[in-house]
Each structure stands twice: as C-alpha cells, then as structure tokens.
PDB file of all heavy atoms in Angstrom:
ATOM      1  N   ASP A   1      47.055  35.869 -84.989  1.00  0.00           N
ATOM      2  CA  ASP A   1      46.066  35.140 -84.194  1.00  0.00           C
ATOM      3  C   ASP A   1      45.550  33.980 -85.042  1.00  0.00           C
ATOM      4  O   ASP A   1      45.052  34.192 -86.157  1.00  0.00           O
ATOM      5  CB  ASP A   1      44.937  36.108 -83.832  1.00  0.00           C
ATOM      6  CG  ASP A   1      43.825  35.482 -83.015  1.00  0.00           C
ATOM      7  OD1 ASP A   1      43.705  34.241 -82.977  1.00  0.00           O
ATOM      8  OD2 ASP A   1      43.031  36.258 -82.430  1.00  0.00           O
ATOM      9  N   ILE A   2      45.645  32.735 -84.536  1.00  0.00           N
ATOM     10  CA  ILE A   2      45.222  31.597 -85.363  1.00  0.00           C
ATOM     11  C   ILE A   2      43.713  31.560 -85.583  1.00  0.00           C
ATOM     12  O   ILE A   2      43.242  30.938 -86.538  1.00  0.00           O
ATOM     13  CB  ILE A   2      45.676  30.248 -84.760  1.00  0.00           C
ATOM     14  CG1 ILE A   2      44.958  29.957 -83.431  1.00  0.00           C
ATOM     15  CG2 ILE A   2      47.176  30.189 -84.609  1.00  0.00           C
ATOM     16  CD1 ILE A   2      45.083  28.525 -82.983  1.00  0.00           C
ATOM     17  N   THR A   3      42.944  32.198 -84.717  1.00  0.00           N
ATOM     18  CA  THR A   3      41.483  32.122 -84.848  1.00  0.00           C
ATOM     19  C   THR A   3      40.931  33.140 -85.836  1.00  0.00           C
ATOM     20  O   THR A   3      39.858  32.938 -86.394  1.00  0.00           O
ATOM     21  CB  THR A   3      40.803  32.332 -83.482  1.00  0.00           C
ATOM     22  OG1 THR A   3      41.129  33.621 -82.968  1.00  0.00           O
ATOM     23  CG2 THR A   3      41.253  31.262 -82.499  1.00  0.00           C
ATOM     24  N   THR A   4      41.659  34.219 -86.060  1.00  0.00           N
ATOM     25  CA  THR A   4      41.170  35.279 -86.955  1.00  0.00           C
ATOM     26  C   THR A   4      42.090  35.544 -88.129  1.00  0.00           C
ATOM     27  O   THR A   4      41.674  36.128 -89.132  1.00  0.00           O
ATOM     28  CB  THR A   4      40.997  36.599 -86.188  1.00  0.00           C
ATOM     29  OG1 THR A   4      42.284  37.060 -85.745  1.00  0.00           O
ATOM     30  CG2 THR A   4      40.078  36.415 -84.991  1.00  0.00           C
ATOM     31  N   GLY A   5      43.343  35.116 -88.013  1.00  0.00           N
ATOM     32  CA  GLY A   5      44.332  35.436 -89.026  1.00  0.00           C
ATOM     33  C   GLY A   5      44.834  36.863 -88.943  1.00  0.00           C
ATOM     34  O   GLY A   5      45.670  37.283 -89.754  1.00  0.00           O
ATOM     35  N   LYS A   6      44.348  37.622 -87.961  1.00  0.00           N
ATOM     36  CA  LYS A   6      44.739  39.019 -87.851  1.00  0.00           C
ATOM     37  C   LYS A   6      46.070  39.160 -87.099  1.00  0.00           C
ATOM     38  O   LYS A   6      46.421  38.310 -86.280  1.00  0.00           O
ATOM     39  CB  LYS A   6      43.650  39.806 -87.123  1.00  0.00           C
ATOM     40  CG  LYS A   6      42.344  39.895 -87.892  1.00  0.00           C
ATOM     41  CD  LYS A   6      41.308  40.717 -87.121  1.00  0.00           C
ATOM     42  CE  LYS A   6      39.995  40.834 -87.904  1.00  0.00           C
ATOM     43  NZ  LYS A   6      38.985  41.631 -87.160  1.00  0.00           N
ATOM     44  N   PRO A   7      46.799  40.230 -87.395  1.00  0.00           N
ATOM     45  CA  PRO A   7      48.068  40.451 -86.700  1.00  0.00           C
ATOM     46  C   PRO A   7      47.861  40.748 -85.222  1.00  0.00           C
ATOM     47  O   PRO A   7      46.772  41.152 -84.796  1.00  0.00           O
ATOM     48  CB  PRO A   7      48.669  41.656 -87.429  1.00  0.00           C
ATOM     49  CG  PRO A   7      47.506  42.360 -88.032  1.00  0.00           C
ATOM     50  CD  PRO A   7      46.514  41.283 -88.389  1.00  0.00           C
ATOM     51  N   ILE A   8      48.915  40.553 -84.451  1.00  0.00           N
ATOM     52  CA  ILE A   8      48.882  40.797 -83.010  1.00  0.00           C
ATOM     53  C   ILE A   8      49.841  41.942 -82.693  1.00  0.00           C
ATOM     54  O   ILE A   8      51.043  41.730 -82.476  1.00  0.00           O
ATOM     55  CB  ILE A   8      49.271  39.539 -82.214  1.00  0.00           C
ATOM     56  CG1 ILE A   8      48.379  38.359 -82.604  1.00  0.00           C
ATOM     57  CG2 ILE A   8      49.175  39.804 -80.715  1.00  0.00           C
ATOM     58  CD1 ILE A   8      48.781  37.047 -81.956  1.00  0.00           C
ATOM     59  N   PRO A   9      49.357  43.180 -82.684  1.00  0.00           N
ATOM     60  CA  PRO A   9      50.226  44.319 -82.364  1.00  0.00           C
ATOM     61  C   PRO A   9      50.769  44.200 -80.934  1.00  0.00           C
ATOM     62  O   PRO A   9      50.081  43.734 -80.028  1.00  0.00           O
ATOM     63  CB  PRO A   9      49.295  45.532 -82.488  1.00  0.00           C
ATOM     64  CG  PRO A   9      48.135  45.052 -83.309  1.00  0.00           C
ATOM     65  CD  PRO A   9      47.973  43.607 -82.983  1.00  0.00           C
ATOM     66  N   GLY A  10      51.997  44.612 -80.744  1.00  0.00           N
ATOM     67  CA  GLY A  10      52.574  44.647 -79.410  1.00  0.00           C
ATOM     68  C   GLY A  10      53.105  43.331 -78.900  1.00  0.00           C
ATOM     69  O   GLY A  10      53.619  43.280 -77.776  1.00  0.00           O
ATOM     70  N   ALA A  11      52.990  42.242 -79.682  1.00  0.00           N
ATOM     71  CA  ALA A  11      53.576  40.974 -79.246  1.00  0.00           C
ATOM     72  C   ALA A  11      55.087  41.142 -79.084  1.00  0.00           C
ATOM     73  O   ALA A  11      55.731  41.878 -79.836  1.00  0.00           O
ATOM     74  CB  ALA A  11      53.263  39.876 -80.255  1.00  0.00           C
ATOM     75  N   VAL A  12      55.648  40.458 -78.096  1.00  0.00           N
ATOM     76  CA  VAL A  12      57.081  40.561 -77.831  1.00  0.00           C
ATOM     77  C   VAL A  12      57.795  39.347 -78.409  1.00  0.00           C
ATOM     78  O   VAL A  12      57.436  38.205 -78.130  1.00  0.00           O
ATOM     79  CB  VAL A  12      57.362  40.671 -76.322  1.00  0.00           C
ATOM     80  CG1 VAL A  12      58.869  40.624 -76.045  1.00  0.00           C
ATOM     81  CG2 VAL A  12      56.767  41.966 -75.771  1.00  0.00           C
ATOM     82  N   PHE A  13      58.804  39.627 -79.219  1.00  0.00           N
ATOM     83  CA  PHE A  13      59.607  38.596 -79.880  1.00  0.00           C
ATOM     84  C   PHE A  13      60.982  38.591 -79.215  1.00  0.00           C
ATOM     85  O   PHE A  13      61.768  39.511 -79.378  1.00  0.00           O
ATOM     86  CB  PHE A  13      59.724  38.924 -81.369  1.00  0.00           C
ATOM     87  CG  PHE A  13      60.229  37.806 -82.229  1.00  0.00           C
ATOM     88  CD1 PHE A  13      59.368  37.109 -83.070  1.00  0.00           C
ATOM     89  CD2 PHE A  13      61.569  37.442 -82.216  1.00  0.00           C
ATOM     90  CE1 PHE A  13      59.837  36.084 -83.878  1.00  0.00           C
ATOM     91  CE2 PHE A  13      62.039  36.418 -83.020  1.00  0.00           C
ATOM     92  CZ  PHE A  13      61.167  35.733 -83.857  1.00  0.00           C
ATOM     93  N   ASP A  14      61.249  37.551 -78.429  1.00  0.00           N
ATOM     94  CA  ASP A  14      62.501  37.398 -77.681  1.00  0.00           C
ATOM     95  C   ASP A  14      63.364  36.388 -78.428  1.00  0.00           C
ATOM     96  O   ASP A  14      62.930  35.269 -78.700  1.00  0.00           O
ATOM     97  CB  ASP A  14      62.170  36.902 -76.271  1.00  0.00           C
ATOM     98  CG  ASP A  14      63.376  36.845 -75.337  1.00  0.00           C
ATOM     99  OD1 ASP A  14      64.514  37.033 -75.800  1.00  0.00           O
ATOM    100  OD2 ASP A  14      63.163  36.598 -74.133  1.00  0.00           O
ATOM    101  N   ILE A  15      64.586  36.767 -78.786  1.00  0.00           N
ATOM    102  CA  ILE A  15      65.479  35.884 -79.542  1.00  0.00           C
ATOM    103  C   ILE A  15      66.807  35.748 -78.814  1.00  0.00           C
ATOM    104  O   ILE A  15      67.311  36.708 -78.212  1.00  0.00           O
ATOM    105  CB  ILE A  15      65.714  36.429 -80.977  1.00  0.00           C
ATOM    106  CG1 ILE A  15      66.770  35.574 -81.707  1.00  0.00           C
ATOM    107  CG2 ILE A  15      66.089  37.900 -80.972  1.00  0.00           C
ATOM    108  CD1 ILE A  15      67.004  35.947 -83.147  1.00  0.00           C
ATOM    109  N   TRP A  16      67.395  34.546 -78.863  1.00  0.00           N
ATOM    110  CA  TRP A  16      68.757  34.339 -78.386  1.00  0.00           C
ATOM    111  C   TRP A  16      69.396  33.239 -79.211  1.00  0.00           C
ATOM    112  O   TRP A  16      68.725  32.337 -79.711  1.00  0.00           O
ATOM    113  CB  TRP A  16      68.803  34.033 -76.894  1.00  0.00           C
ATOM    114  CG  TRP A  16      68.158  32.764 -76.411  1.00  0.00           C
ATOM    115  CD1 TRP A  16      68.780  31.605 -76.037  1.00  0.00           C
ATOM    116  CD2 TRP A  16      66.753  32.519 -76.192  1.00  0.00           C
ATOM    117  NE1 TRP A  16      67.870  30.666 -75.616  1.00  0.00           N
ATOM    118  CE2 TRP A  16      66.620  31.206 -75.694  1.00  0.00           C
ATOM    119  CE3 TRP A  16      65.604  33.288 -76.390  1.00  0.00           C
ATOM    120  CZ2 TRP A  16      65.377  30.646 -75.392  1.00  0.00           C
ATOM    121  CZ3 TRP A  16      64.366  32.725 -76.085  1.00  0.00           C
ATOM    122  CH2 TRP A  16      64.260  31.419 -75.590  1.00  0.00           C
ATOM    123  N   GLN A  17      70.695  33.338 -79.409  1.00  0.00           N
ATOM    124  CA  GLN A  17      71.394  32.356 -80.225  1.00  0.00           C
ATOM    125  C   GLN A  17      72.865  32.298 -79.845  1.00  0.00           C
ATOM    126  O   GLN A  17      73.410  33.215 -79.218  1.00  0.00           O
ATOM    127  CB  GLN A  17      71.257  32.689 -81.713  1.00  0.00           C
ATOM    128  CG  GLN A  17      71.901  33.987 -82.127  1.00  0.00           C
ATOM    129  CD  GLN A  17      71.809  34.234 -83.628  1.00  0.00           C
ATOM    130  OE1 GLN A  17      71.775  35.376 -84.054  1.00  0.00           O
ATOM    131  NE2 GLN A  17      71.783  33.202 -84.440  1.00  0.00           N
ATOM    132  N   ALA A  18      73.507  31.193 -80.237  1.00  0.00           N
ATOM    133  CA  ALA A  18      74.950  31.059 -80.059  1.00  0.00           C
ATOM    134  C   ALA A  18      75.662  31.842 -81.152  1.00  0.00           C
ATOM    135  O   ALA A  18      75.118  32.092 -82.232  1.00  0.00           O
ATOM    136  CB  ALA A  18      75.348  29.587 -80.113  1.00  0.00           C
ATOM    137  N   SER A  19      76.900  32.211 -80.874  1.00  0.00           N
ATOM    138  CA  SER A  19      77.716  32.888 -81.871  1.00  0.00           C
ATOM    139  C   SER A  19      78.254  31.876 -82.879  1.00  0.00           C
ATOM    140  O   SER A  19      77.980  30.674 -82.800  1.00  0.00           O
ATOM    141  CB  SER A  19      78.862  33.641 -81.190  1.00  0.00           C
ATOM    142  OG  SER A  19      79.535  34.480 -82.107  1.00  0.00           O
ATOM    143  N   ALA A  20      79.038  32.374 -83.826  1.00  0.00           N
ATOM    144  CA  ALA A  20      79.549  31.499 -84.889  1.00  0.00           C
ATOM    145  C   ALA A  20      80.520  30.450 -84.370  1.00  0.00           C
ATOM    146  O   ALA A  20      80.814  29.482 -85.065  1.00  0.00           O
ATOM    147  CB  ALA A  20      80.222  32.350 -85.972  1.00  0.00           C
ATOM    148  N   ASN A  21      81.012  30.642 -83.134  1.00  0.00           N
ATOM    149  CA  ASN A  21      81.875  29.617 -82.528  1.00  0.00           C
ATOM    150  C   ASN A  21      81.087  28.573 -81.750  1.00  0.00           C
ATOM    151  O   ASN A  21      81.676  27.715 -81.088  1.00  0.00           O
ATOM    152  CB  ASN A  21      82.933  30.270 -81.641  1.00  0.00           C
ATOM    153  CG  ASN A  21      82.343  31.015 -80.458  1.00  0.00           C
ATOM    154  OD1 ASN A  21      81.125  31.053 -80.270  1.00  0.00           O
ATOM    155  ND2 ASN A  21      83.205  31.628 -79.653  1.00  0.00           N
ATOM    156  N   GLY A  22      79.753  28.660 -81.797  1.00  0.00           N
ATOM    157  CA  GLY A  22      78.909  27.681 -81.128  1.00  0.00           C
ATOM    158  C   GLY A  22      78.693  27.934 -79.650  1.00  0.00           C
ATOM    159  O   GLY A  22      78.153  27.078 -78.952  1.00  0.00           O
ATOM    160  N   LYS A  23      79.065  29.125 -79.164  1.00  0.00           N
ATOM    161  CA  LYS A  23      78.940  29.421 -77.736  1.00  0.00           C
ATOM    162  C   LYS A  23      78.012  30.606 -77.503  1.00  0.00           C
ATOM    163  O   LYS A  23      78.003  31.565 -78.283  1.00  0.00           O
ATOM    164  CB  LYS A  23      80.318  29.716 -77.132  1.00  0.00           C
ATOM    165  CG  LYS A  23      81.258  28.523 -77.150  1.00  0.00           C
ATOM    166  CD  LYS A  23      82.590  28.866 -76.502  1.00  0.00           C
ATOM    167  CE  LYS A  23      83.532  27.661 -76.489  1.00  0.00           C
ATOM    168  NZ  LYS A  23      84.834  27.989 -75.859  1.00  0.00           N
ATOM    169  N   TYR A  24      77.260  30.519 -76.395  1.00  0.00           N
ATOM    170  CA  TYR A  24      76.410  31.621 -75.970  1.00  0.00           C
ATOM    171  C   TYR A  24      77.239  32.613 -75.141  1.00  0.00           C
ATOM    172  O   TYR A  24      78.330  32.281 -74.669  1.00  0.00           O
ATOM    173  CB  TYR A  24      75.233  31.100 -75.156  1.00  0.00           C
ATOM    174  CG  TYR A  24      74.268  30.262 -75.975  1.00  0.00           C
ATOM    175  CD1 TYR A  24      74.513  28.910 -76.211  1.00  0.00           C
ATOM    176  CD2 TYR A  24      73.122  30.821 -76.524  1.00  0.00           C
ATOM    177  CE1 TYR A  24      73.635  28.135 -76.967  1.00  0.00           C
ATOM    178  CE2 TYR A  24      72.233  30.061 -77.281  1.00  0.00           C
ATOM    179  CZ  TYR A  24      72.497  28.716 -77.500  1.00  0.00           C
ATOM    180  OH  TYR A  24      71.634  27.970 -78.247  1.00  0.00           O
ATOM    181  N   ASP A  25      76.676  33.810 -74.942  1.00  0.00           N
ATOM    182  CA  ASP A  25      77.443  34.895 -74.327  1.00  0.00           C
ATOM    183  C   ASP A  25      78.115  34.496 -73.018  1.00  0.00           C
ATOM    184  O   ASP A  25      79.324  34.706 -72.834  1.00  0.00           O
ATOM    185  CB  ASP A  25      76.579  36.153 -74.158  1.00  0.00           C
ATOM    186  CG  ASP A  25      75.277  35.903 -73.390  1.00  0.00           C
ATOM    187  OD1 ASP A  25      74.961  34.725 -73.083  1.00  0.00           O
ATOM    188  OD2 ASP A  25      74.577  36.889 -73.092  1.00  0.00           O
ATOM    189  N   PHE A  26      77.362  33.894 -72.086  1.00  0.00           N
ATOM    190  CA  PHE A  26      77.960  33.626 -70.773  1.00  0.00           C
ATOM    191  C   PHE A  26      78.878  32.412 -70.771  1.00  0.00           C
ATOM    192  O   PHE A  26      79.576  32.169 -69.785  1.00  0.00           O
ATOM    193  CB  PHE A  26      76.900  33.509 -69.674  1.00  0.00           C
ATOM    194  CG  PHE A  26      75.882  32.427 -69.854  1.00  0.00           C
ATOM    195  CD1 PHE A  26      76.179  31.110 -69.611  1.00  0.00           C
ATOM    196  CD2 PHE A  26      74.592  32.744 -70.265  1.00  0.00           C
ATOM    197  CE1 PHE A  26      75.234  30.109 -69.752  1.00  0.00           C
ATOM    198  CE2 PHE A  26      73.637  31.753 -70.419  1.00  0.00           C
ATOM    199  CZ  PHE A  26      73.960  30.434 -70.169  1.00  0.00           C
TER     200      PHE A  26
END
C-alpha cells in the first residue's frame, strides 16, 4: 500500500508472457 507501506494480503498477481519463440499460447 503506497499510503502505509504495509503489505496487501490476498492481492492477485496475474502474469502472461510470450514463449522463447516470441509467441503467445493462442
């Protein structure tokens, strides 16, 4: 939290990336 510096339990971290060939799954 930027206002308190305290951690935010339960926040959801969604990640996606291309593979080493530069392409996404679909």
